[in-house]
Amino acid sequence: MAESSENTETSTINPSPQNLWKVVITLFTAFTSILAAGFTAGIKYQESQSNVIIAESKGSLAQYHAKLEVAHNRVEQLNTQLEQWRSAYQKLQSELTQQQRTIASLTTQLGRSNNCTFIHEQIVTTQRLIEHPNGIWLFSSSKEVNDKEQERIASLQRRLESYQQQLSTCNR
């Protein structure tokens, strides 16, 4: 029996070439199975990570798309307001131009009717009143009427002197 136990020990220590191939094939199959299982698990893990990234990216894309829509609507709104502002601005420009023309016209009229012209017209009117009292000639010879007429003429001559004095200083 000792021999048979020695044969068994020897056979485990010295495997035959057929057994060696079986062991190598078994080890290779186990290694390949482990490698394939790891590869498959890695692919599944990577797919799940990619799906998470894709979902996050789609969420971000949806947010940016919504923000872009809001911005686009705001741009359209601002363009509409811009057109309204331009229209109002052109209207105000037209009114301003019209008012400037009115001011220029009034300034011209004011320049024509200055104080010197007014004083000169008053002198001419006063001289006419002195020469033609009340627009007609008086044919009355009463002393009272003549005295009143002399007072009126004296008053008009004082007024005429005052106007002439103002006319001499109006252009200064």
N, C-alpha and C. Protein backbone atom coordinates (compact mmCIF):
# COMPACT_ATOMS: atom_id res chain seq x y z
N MET A 1 0.78 -1.16 0.00
CA MET A 1 0.00 0.00 0.00
C MET A 1 0.83 1.23 0.00
N ALA A 2 1.94 1.00 0.48
CA ALA A 2 2.84 2.12 0.49
C ALA A 2 3.17 2.51 -0.92
N GLU A 3 3.21 1.55 -1.75
CA GLU A 3 3.53 1.86 -3.14
C GLU A 3 2.39 2.63 -3.77
N SER A 4 1.20 2.26 -3.49
CA SER A 4 0.11 2.93 -4.13
C SER A 4 -0.01 4.36 -3.60
N SER A 5 0.31 4.60 -2.36
CA SER A 5 0.25 5.97 -1.89
C SER A 5 1.40 6.76 -2.45
N GLU A 6 2.48 6.14 -2.72
CA GLU A 6 3.59 6.83 -3.34
C GLU A 6 3.25 7.15 -4.78
N ASN A 7 2.56 6.26 -5.43
CA ASN A 7 2.17 6.50 -6.80
C ASN A 7 1.19 7.69 -6.86
N THR A 8 0.36 7.79 -5.89
CA THR A 8 -0.61 8.87 -5.87
C THR A 8 0.10 10.17 -5.64
N GLU A 9 1.05 10.16 -4.75
CA GLU A 9 1.78 11.40 -4.49
C GLU A 9 2.58 11.78 -5.72
N THR A 10 3.14 10.86 -6.33
CA THR A 10 3.95 11.12 -7.50
C THR A 10 3.06 11.60 -8.63
N SER A 11 1.90 11.03 -8.73
CA SER A 11 1.05 11.43 -9.81
C SER A 11 0.55 12.87 -9.61
N THR A 12 0.36 13.34 -8.43
CA THR A 12 -0.06 14.71 -8.20
C THR A 12 1.12 15.64 -8.39
N ILE A 13 2.28 15.22 -8.05
CA ILE A 13 3.45 16.08 -8.19
C ILE A 13 3.91 16.09 -9.63
N ASN A 14 3.85 14.97 -10.30
CA ASN A 14 4.24 14.89 -11.69
C ASN A 14 3.02 14.64 -12.55
N PRO A 15 2.34 15.63 -12.90
CA PRO A 15 1.17 15.39 -13.70
C PRO A 15 1.58 14.99 -15.12
N SER A 16 0.72 14.35 -15.72
CA SER A 16 1.01 13.89 -17.06
C SER A 16 0.74 15.04 -18.02
N PRO A 17 1.29 14.97 -19.24
CA PRO A 17 1.09 16.07 -20.19
C PRO A 17 -0.39 16.27 -20.52
N GLN A 18 -1.19 15.27 -20.50
CA GLN A 18 -2.61 15.44 -20.77
C GLN A 18 -3.27 16.21 -19.64
N ASN A 19 -2.88 15.87 -18.42
CA ASN A 19 -3.45 16.58 -17.28
C ASN A 19 -2.95 18.02 -17.25
N LEU A 20 -1.75 18.21 -17.64
CA LEU A 20 -1.19 19.56 -17.65
C LEU A 20 -1.95 20.44 -18.63
N TRP A 21 -2.31 19.87 -19.74
CA TRP A 21 -3.08 20.64 -20.72
C TRP A 21 -4.48 20.93 -20.18
N LYS A 22 -5.05 20.04 -19.50
CA LYS A 22 -6.37 20.26 -18.92
C LYS A 22 -6.31 21.38 -17.89
N VAL A 23 -5.25 21.38 -17.10
CA VAL A 23 -5.09 22.41 -16.08
C VAL A 23 -4.90 23.78 -16.78
N VAL A 24 -4.06 23.83 -17.79
CA VAL A 24 -3.78 25.08 -18.50
C VAL A 24 -5.06 25.59 -19.16
N ILE A 25 -5.78 24.66 -19.78
CA ILE A 25 -7.02 25.06 -20.46
C ILE A 25 -8.03 25.53 -19.41
N THR A 26 -8.11 24.87 -18.29
CA THR A 26 -9.03 25.26 -17.24
C THR A 26 -8.64 26.64 -16.69
N LEU A 27 -7.34 26.83 -16.44
CA LEU A 27 -6.87 28.13 -15.94
C LEU A 27 -7.11 29.23 -16.99
N PHE A 28 -6.84 28.90 -18.21
CA PHE A 28 -7.05 29.88 -19.28
C PHE A 28 -8.54 30.22 -19.40
N THR A 29 -9.39 29.21 -19.32
CA THR A 29 -10.83 29.42 -19.40
C THR A 29 -11.29 30.26 -18.21
N ALA A 30 -10.79 29.95 -17.02
CA ALA A 30 -11.16 30.72 -15.83
C ALA A 30 -10.69 32.16 -15.95
N PHE A 31 -9.44 32.33 -16.40
CA PHE A 31 -8.88 33.67 -16.57
C PHE A 31 -9.68 34.45 -17.62
N THR A 32 -9.99 33.79 -18.73
CA THR A 32 -10.75 34.44 -19.79
C THR A 32 -12.16 34.78 -19.30
N SER A 33 -12.77 33.91 -18.54
CA SER A 33 -14.11 34.17 -18.01
C SER A 33 -14.08 35.35 -17.05
N ILE A 34 -13.06 35.38 -16.20
CA ILE A 34 -12.92 36.51 -15.26
C ILE A 34 -12.68 37.80 -16.03
N LEU A 35 -11.80 37.72 -17.03
CA LEU A 35 -11.51 38.89 -17.86
C LEU A 35 -12.76 39.35 -18.60
N ALA A 36 -13.51 38.44 -19.17
CA ALA A 36 -14.73 38.78 -19.90
C ALA A 36 -15.77 39.35 -18.94
N ALA A 37 -15.89 38.77 -17.75
CA ALA A 37 -16.84 39.28 -16.77
C ALA A 37 -16.45 40.69 -16.32
N GLY A 38 -15.16 40.93 -16.11
CA GLY A 38 -14.67 42.26 -15.73
C GLY A 38 -14.90 43.27 -16.85
N PHE A 39 -14.62 42.82 -18.08
CA PHE A 39 -14.83 43.69 -19.24
C PHE A 39 -16.30 44.05 -19.38
N THR A 40 -17.20 43.04 -19.24
CA THR A 40 -18.63 43.28 -19.35
C THR A 40 -19.10 44.19 -18.21
N ALA A 41 -18.61 43.94 -17.00
CA ALA A 41 -18.98 44.80 -15.88
C ALA A 41 -18.48 46.22 -16.10
N GLY A 42 -17.27 46.36 -16.63
CA GLY A 42 -16.72 47.69 -16.92
C GLY A 42 -17.53 48.42 -17.98
N ILE A 43 -17.93 47.68 -19.02
CA ILE A 43 -18.74 48.29 -20.06
C ILE A 43 -20.09 48.73 -19.48
N LYS A 44 -20.72 47.89 -18.68
CA LYS A 44 -22.01 48.23 -18.07
C LYS A 44 -21.86 49.45 -17.16
N TYR A 45 -20.76 49.49 -16.38
CA TYR A 45 -20.51 50.63 -15.48
C TYR A 45 -20.30 51.89 -16.32
N GLN A 46 -19.52 51.78 -17.37
CA GLN A 46 -19.24 52.94 -18.23
C GLN A 46 -20.53 53.39 -18.93
N GLU A 47 -21.36 52.47 -19.37
CA GLU A 47 -22.64 52.83 -19.98
C GLU A 47 -23.52 53.57 -19.00
N SER A 48 -23.58 53.09 -17.75
CA SER A 48 -24.42 53.76 -16.75
C SER A 48 -23.88 55.16 -16.45
N GLN A 49 -22.54 55.29 -16.39
CA GLN A 49 -21.94 56.61 -16.16
C GLN A 49 -22.22 57.52 -17.36
N SER A 50 -22.13 56.97 -18.55
CA SER A 50 -22.41 57.76 -19.76
C SER A 50 -23.87 58.18 -19.79
N ASN A 51 -24.77 57.26 -19.40
CA ASN A 51 -26.19 57.62 -19.36
C ASN A 51 -26.46 58.73 -18.36
N VAL A 52 -25.76 58.71 -17.22
CA VAL A 52 -25.91 59.78 -16.22
C VAL A 52 -25.43 61.10 -16.82
N ILE A 53 -24.27 61.06 -17.47
CA ILE A 53 -23.71 62.28 -18.08
C ILE A 53 -24.64 62.78 -19.18
N ILE A 54 -25.17 61.86 -19.99
CA ILE A 54 -26.08 62.26 -21.07
C ILE A 54 -27.34 62.88 -20.48
N ALA A 55 -27.88 62.29 -19.41
CA ALA A 55 -29.09 62.84 -18.77
C ALA A 55 -28.81 64.24 -18.21
N GLU A 56 -27.66 64.40 -17.55
CA GLU A 56 -27.29 65.72 -17.02
C GLU A 56 -27.12 66.71 -18.16
N SER A 57 -26.49 66.27 -19.24
CA SER A 57 -26.27 67.15 -20.39
C SER A 57 -27.60 67.55 -21.03
N LYS A 58 -28.52 66.58 -21.14
CA LYS A 58 -29.83 66.90 -21.69
C LYS A 58 -30.57 67.90 -20.80
N GLY A 59 -30.46 67.74 -19.49
CA GLY A 59 -31.08 68.68 -18.56
C GLY A 59 -30.49 70.08 -18.72
N SER A 60 -29.16 70.14 -18.81
CA SER A 60 -28.49 71.44 -19.00
C SER A 60 -28.88 72.04 -20.34
N LEU A 61 -28.94 71.20 -21.37
CA LEU A 61 -29.32 71.67 -22.69
C LEU A 61 -30.74 72.22 -22.66
N ALA A 62 -31.64 71.55 -21.97
CA ALA A 62 -33.02 72.03 -21.87
C ALA A 62 -33.07 73.38 -21.14
N GLN A 63 -32.25 73.53 -20.08
CA GLN A 63 -32.21 74.80 -19.35
C GLN A 63 -31.69 75.91 -20.26
N TYR A 64 -30.60 75.62 -20.98
CA TYR A 64 -30.02 76.64 -21.86
C TYR A 64 -30.97 76.96 -23.01
N HIS A 65 -31.70 75.97 -23.48
CA HIS A 65 -32.67 76.21 -24.54
C HIS A 65 -33.79 77.12 -24.02
N ALA A 66 -34.24 76.87 -22.80
CA ALA A 66 -35.28 77.72 -22.20
C ALA A 66 -34.76 79.14 -22.01
N LYS A 67 -33.52 79.26 -21.54
CA LYS A 67 -32.94 80.60 -21.36
C LYS A 67 -32.79 81.30 -22.71
N LEU A 68 -32.43 80.54 -23.73
CA LEU A 68 -32.29 81.11 -25.07
C LEU A 68 -33.64 81.60 -25.59
N GLU A 69 -34.69 80.85 -25.34
CA GLU A 69 -36.04 81.27 -25.75
C GLU A 69 -36.44 82.56 -25.03
N VAL A 70 -36.16 82.62 -23.73
CA VAL A 70 -36.49 83.83 -22.96
C VAL A 70 -35.70 85.01 -23.52
N ALA A 71 -34.42 84.80 -23.78
CA ALA A 71 -33.58 85.87 -24.32
C ALA A 71 -34.08 86.29 -25.71
N HIS A 72 -34.47 85.33 -26.53
CA HIS A 72 -34.97 85.63 -27.86
C HIS A 72 -36.26 86.46 -27.77
N ASN A 73 -37.15 86.07 -26.88
CA ASN A 73 -38.39 86.83 -26.68
C ASN A 73 -38.10 88.23 -26.19
N ARG A 74 -37.12 88.35 -25.30
CA ARG A 74 -36.73 89.68 -24.78
C ARG A 74 -36.17 90.55 -25.89
N VAL A 75 -35.37 89.96 -26.78
CA VAL A 75 -34.82 90.70 -27.90
C VAL A 75 -35.94 91.20 -28.80
N GLU A 76 -36.93 90.35 -29.08
CA GLU A 76 -38.06 90.77 -29.90
C GLU A 76 -38.84 91.90 -29.23
N GLN A 77 -39.02 91.78 -27.92
CA GLN A 77 -39.73 92.82 -27.18
C GLN A 77 -38.95 94.13 -27.23
N LEU A 78 -37.64 94.05 -27.05
CA LEU A 78 -36.82 95.26 -27.08
C LEU A 78 -36.80 95.88 -28.47
N ASN A 79 -36.81 95.05 -29.51
CA ASN A 79 -36.87 95.58 -30.87
C ASN A 79 -38.17 96.32 -31.10
N THR A 80 -39.27 95.79 -30.59
CA THR A 80 -40.56 96.48 -30.71
C THR A 80 -40.52 97.81 -29.97
N GLN A 81 -39.98 97.80 -28.76
CA GLN A 81 -39.87 99.04 -27.99
C GLN A 81 -38.94 100.03 -28.69
N LEU A 82 -37.89 99.52 -29.30
CA LEU A 82 -36.95 100.39 -30.01
C LEU A 82 -37.67 101.12 -31.15
N GLU A 83 -38.49 100.40 -31.88
CA GLU A 83 -39.25 101.03 -32.97
C GLU A 83 -40.20 102.09 -32.42
N GLN A 84 -40.84 101.80 -31.28
CA GLN A 84 -41.73 102.78 -30.67
C GLN A 84 -40.96 104.01 -30.24
N TRP A 85 -39.78 103.79 -29.64
CA TRP A 85 -38.95 104.93 -29.20
C TRP A 85 -38.48 105.74 -30.40
N ARG A 86 -38.11 105.05 -31.48
CA ARG A 86 -37.67 105.78 -32.68
C ARG A 86 -38.79 106.63 -33.23
N SER A 87 -39.98 106.08 -33.27
CA SER A 87 -41.13 106.83 -33.76
C SER A 87 -41.39 108.05 -32.89
N ALA A 88 -41.38 107.85 -31.58
CA ALA A 88 -41.59 108.98 -30.66
C ALA A 88 -40.48 110.01 -30.80
N TYR A 89 -39.25 109.55 -30.98
CA TYR A 89 -38.12 110.47 -31.13
C TYR A 89 -38.27 111.30 -32.40
N GLN A 90 -38.67 110.64 -33.51
CA GLN A 90 -38.86 111.38 -34.75
C GLN A 90 -39.99 112.39 -34.63
N LYS A 91 -41.03 112.02 -33.91
CA LYS A 91 -42.14 112.94 -33.68
C LYS A 91 -41.67 114.16 -32.89
N LEU A 92 -40.89 113.90 -31.84
CA LEU A 92 -40.36 115.01 -31.02
C LEU A 92 -39.40 115.87 -31.82
N GLN A 93 -38.59 115.23 -32.67
CA GLN A 93 -37.67 116.00 -33.51
C GLN A 93 -38.45 116.92 -34.44
N SER A 94 -39.56 116.40 -34.99
CA SER A 94 -40.39 117.21 -35.87
C SER A 94 -40.99 118.39 -35.11
N GLU A 95 -41.50 118.12 -33.91
CA GLU A 95 -42.06 119.19 -33.09
C GLU A 95 -40.99 120.22 -32.71
N LEU A 96 -39.80 119.73 -32.39
CA LEU A 96 -38.71 120.63 -32.03
C LEU A 96 -38.34 121.53 -33.21
N THR A 97 -38.27 120.94 -34.39
CA THR A 97 -37.95 121.72 -35.60
C THR A 97 -39.02 122.77 -35.83
N GLN A 98 -40.29 122.39 -35.67
CA GLN A 98 -41.38 123.35 -35.86
C GLN A 98 -41.30 124.47 -34.82
N GLN A 99 -41.01 124.12 -33.58
CA GLN A 99 -40.89 125.15 -32.54
C GLN A 99 -39.70 126.06 -32.79
N GLN A 100 -38.62 125.50 -33.30
CA GLN A 100 -37.45 126.34 -33.62
C GLN A 100 -37.79 127.32 -34.74
N ARG A 101 -38.58 126.85 -35.71
CA ARG A 101 -39.00 127.77 -36.79
C ARG A 101 -39.88 128.88 -36.23
N THR A 102 -40.78 128.51 -35.32
CA THR A 102 -41.67 129.50 -34.70
C THR A 102 -40.85 130.51 -33.90
N ILE A 103 -39.87 130.02 -33.17
CA ILE A 103 -39.01 130.92 -32.38
C ILE A 103 -38.25 131.86 -33.30
N ALA A 104 -37.73 131.32 -34.40
CA ALA A 104 -36.99 132.16 -35.35
C ALA A 104 -37.90 133.22 -35.95
N SER A 105 -39.14 132.82 -36.28
CA SER A 105 -40.09 133.78 -36.84
C SER A 105 -40.44 134.86 -35.82
N LEU A 106 -40.69 134.44 -34.58
CA LEU A 106 -41.02 135.42 -33.54
C LEU A 106 -39.84 136.33 -33.24
N THR A 107 -38.64 135.78 -33.28
CA THR A 107 -37.45 136.61 -33.05
C THR A 107 -37.31 137.65 -34.14
N THR A 108 -37.58 137.25 -35.37
CA THR A 108 -37.52 138.19 -36.49
C THR A 108 -38.57 139.28 -36.32
N GLN A 109 -39.78 138.88 -35.95
CA GLN A 109 -40.84 139.87 -35.74
C GLN A 109 -40.50 140.80 -34.59
N LEU A 110 -39.91 140.25 -33.54
CA LEU A 110 -39.53 141.06 -32.40
C LEU A 110 -38.45 142.06 -32.80
N GLY A 111 -37.52 141.61 -33.62
CA GLY A 111 -36.47 142.53 -34.08
C GLY A 111 -37.04 143.66 -34.90
N ARG A 112 -38.10 143.36 -35.63
CA ARG A 112 -38.71 144.41 -36.46
C ARG A 112 -39.47 145.41 -35.60
N SER A 113 -40.06 144.94 -34.55
CA SER A 113 -40.86 145.83 -33.71
C SER A 113 -40.11 146.18 -32.44
N ASN A 114 -38.93 146.71 -32.58
CA ASN A 114 -38.15 147.06 -31.39
C ASN A 114 -38.59 148.41 -30.84
N ASN A 115 -38.02 148.78 -29.77
CA ASN A 115 -38.41 149.98 -29.05
C ASN A 115 -38.17 151.25 -29.87
N CYS A 116 -37.09 151.30 -30.61
CA CYS A 116 -36.79 152.50 -31.41
C CYS A 116 -37.87 152.74 -32.45
N THR A 117 -38.33 151.68 -33.06
CA THR A 117 -39.39 151.81 -34.06
C THR A 117 -40.66 152.33 -33.40
N PHE A 118 -40.97 151.80 -32.24
CA PHE A 118 -42.15 152.25 -31.51
C PHE A 118 -42.04 153.74 -31.17
N ILE A 119 -40.90 154.16 -30.67
CA ILE A 119 -40.71 155.58 -30.31
C ILE A 119 -40.83 156.46 -31.54
N HIS A 120 -40.26 156.03 -32.64
CA HIS A 120 -40.34 156.80 -33.88
C HIS A 120 -41.80 156.94 -34.32
N GLU A 121 -42.57 155.87 -34.23
CA GLU A 121 -43.98 155.94 -34.60
C GLU A 121 -44.74 156.88 -33.67
N GLN A 122 -44.39 156.89 -32.40
CA GLN A 122 -45.05 157.80 -31.45
C GLN A 122 -44.72 159.25 -31.78
N ILE A 123 -43.50 159.52 -32.21
CA ILE A 123 -43.11 160.90 -32.58
C ILE A 123 -43.94 161.36 -33.77
N VAL A 124 -44.05 160.48 -34.78
CA VAL A 124 -44.82 160.85 -35.97
C VAL A 124 -46.28 161.09 -35.61
N THR A 125 -46.86 160.24 -34.78
CA THR A 125 -48.25 160.39 -34.37
C THR A 125 -48.45 161.68 -33.57
N THR A 126 -47.53 161.99 -32.67
CA THR A 126 -47.63 163.21 -31.86
C THR A 126 -47.52 164.45 -32.74
N GLN A 127 -46.61 164.43 -33.73
CA GLN A 127 -46.49 165.58 -34.64
C GLN A 127 -47.78 165.79 -35.43
N ARG A 128 -48.42 164.72 -35.83
CA ARG A 128 -49.69 164.84 -36.56
C ARG A 128 -50.76 165.46 -35.65
N LEU A 129 -50.76 165.04 -34.37
CA LEU A 129 -51.74 165.61 -33.44
C LEU A 129 -51.50 167.10 -33.21
N ILE A 130 -50.23 167.49 -33.22
CA ILE A 130 -49.94 168.91 -33.04
C ILE A 130 -50.38 169.69 -34.27
N GLU A 131 -50.10 169.17 -35.45
CA GLU A 131 -50.43 169.88 -36.69
C GLU A 131 -51.93 169.85 -36.96
N HIS A 132 -52.59 168.75 -36.64
CA HIS A 132 -54.01 168.60 -36.91
C HIS A 132 -54.72 168.17 -35.63
N PRO A 133 -55.17 169.07 -34.83
CA PRO A 133 -55.80 168.72 -33.58
C PRO A 133 -57.09 167.93 -33.81
N ASN A 134 -57.16 166.84 -33.13
CA ASN A 134 -58.32 165.95 -33.20
C ASN A 134 -58.67 165.57 -34.63
N GLY A 135 -57.72 165.71 -35.53
CA GLY A 135 -57.93 165.31 -36.90
C GLY A 135 -58.67 166.34 -37.73
N ILE A 136 -59.10 167.46 -37.15
CA ILE A 136 -59.81 168.49 -37.92
C ILE A 136 -59.25 169.86 -37.52
N TRP A 137 -59.50 170.84 -38.35
CA TRP A 137 -59.12 172.22 -38.01
C TRP A 137 -60.23 172.87 -37.21
N LEU A 138 -59.82 173.57 -36.20
CA LEU A 138 -60.82 174.28 -35.39
C LEU A 138 -60.97 175.70 -35.91
N PHE A 139 -62.19 176.10 -36.10
CA PHE A 139 -62.44 177.45 -36.61
C PHE A 139 -63.02 178.36 -35.53
N SER A 140 -62.97 177.90 -34.31
CA SER A 140 -63.51 178.72 -33.25
C SER A 140 -62.46 179.72 -32.81
N SER A 141 -62.88 180.91 -32.51
CA SER A 141 -61.93 181.94 -32.12
C SER A 141 -62.13 182.39 -30.68
N SER A 142 -62.84 181.64 -29.89
CA SER A 142 -63.03 182.04 -28.52
C SER A 142 -61.75 181.83 -27.74
N LYS A 143 -61.56 182.70 -26.74
CA LYS A 143 -60.33 182.68 -25.97
C LYS A 143 -60.22 181.37 -25.18
N GLU A 144 -61.30 180.92 -24.68
CA GLU A 144 -61.30 179.70 -23.90
C GLU A 144 -60.89 178.50 -24.75
N VAL A 145 -61.42 178.39 -25.92
CA VAL A 145 -61.09 177.28 -26.82
C VAL A 145 -59.64 177.40 -27.24
N ASN A 146 -59.19 178.62 -27.53
CA ASN A 146 -57.79 178.81 -27.93
C ASN A 146 -56.84 178.47 -26.78
N ASP A 147 -57.18 178.82 -25.55
CA ASP A 147 -56.33 178.50 -24.40
C ASP A 147 -56.23 176.98 -24.21
N LYS A 148 -57.37 176.31 -24.33
CA LYS A 148 -57.35 174.85 -24.19
C LYS A 148 -56.52 174.20 -25.30
N GLU A 149 -56.65 174.77 -26.48
CA GLU A 149 -55.88 174.22 -27.61
C GLU A 149 -54.39 174.47 -27.40
N GLN A 150 -54.02 175.62 -26.85
CA GLN A 150 -52.61 175.93 -26.58
C GLN A 150 -52.06 174.99 -25.50
N GLU A 151 -52.86 174.70 -24.49
CA GLU A 151 -52.44 173.77 -23.43
C GLU A 151 -52.24 172.36 -24.01
N ARG A 152 -53.17 171.98 -24.88
CA ARG A 152 -53.06 170.65 -25.49
C ARG A 152 -51.81 170.56 -26.35
N ILE A 153 -51.54 171.60 -27.12
CA ILE A 153 -50.35 171.60 -27.98
C ILE A 153 -49.09 171.62 -27.13
N ALA A 154 -49.08 172.37 -26.03
CA ALA A 154 -47.92 172.42 -25.14
C ALA A 154 -47.68 171.03 -24.53
N SER A 155 -48.75 170.37 -24.13
CA SER A 155 -48.62 169.02 -23.57
C SER A 155 -48.07 168.06 -24.62
N LEU A 156 -48.56 168.15 -25.85
CA LEU A 156 -48.09 167.28 -26.94
C LEU A 156 -46.62 167.57 -27.26
N GLN A 157 -46.22 168.85 -27.18
CA GLN A 157 -44.82 169.20 -27.47
C GLN A 157 -43.90 168.66 -26.38
N ARG A 158 -44.34 168.68 -25.12
CA ARG A 158 -43.54 168.09 -24.04
C ARG A 158 -43.38 166.58 -24.27
N ARG A 159 -44.51 165.94 -24.67
CA ARG A 159 -44.47 164.50 -24.96
C ARG A 159 -43.52 164.25 -26.14
N LEU A 160 -43.56 165.12 -27.16
CA LEU A 160 -42.70 164.98 -28.33
C LEU A 160 -41.23 165.12 -27.94
N GLU A 161 -40.92 166.06 -27.07
CA GLU A 161 -39.54 166.22 -26.60
C GLU A 161 -39.07 164.99 -25.83
N SER A 162 -39.96 164.43 -25.02
CA SER A 162 -39.62 163.22 -24.26
C SER A 162 -39.33 162.06 -25.21
N TYR A 163 -40.18 161.93 -26.24
CA TYR A 163 -39.95 160.86 -27.22
C TYR A 163 -38.64 161.06 -27.98
N GLN A 164 -38.34 162.30 -28.33
CA GLN A 164 -37.10 162.58 -29.06
C GLN A 164 -35.88 162.28 -28.20
N GLN A 165 -36.02 162.58 -26.91
CA GLN A 165 -34.91 162.27 -25.98
C GLN A 165 -34.73 160.75 -25.88
N GLN A 166 -35.82 159.98 -25.79
CA GLN A 166 -35.73 158.52 -25.75
C GLN A 166 -35.17 157.96 -27.05
N LEU A 167 -35.54 158.59 -28.19
CA LEU A 167 -35.06 158.12 -29.48
C LEU A 167 -33.56 158.31 -29.61
N SER A 168 -33.03 159.34 -29.02
CA SER A 168 -31.58 159.59 -29.10
C SER A 168 -30.79 158.57 -28.29
N THR A 169 -31.43 157.92 -27.32
CA THR A 169 -30.70 156.92 -26.49
C THR A 169 -31.11 155.47 -26.78
N CYS A 170 -32.07 155.23 -27.66
CA CYS A 170 -32.57 153.86 -27.82
C CYS A 170 -31.60 152.95 -28.55
N ASN A 171 -30.72 153.47 -29.40
CA ASN A 171 -29.81 152.62 -30.15
C ASN A 171 -28.52 152.31 -29.39
N ARG A 172 -28.43 152.79 -28.19
CA ARG A 172 -27.19 152.57 -27.42
C ARG A 172 -27.25 151.33 -26.61
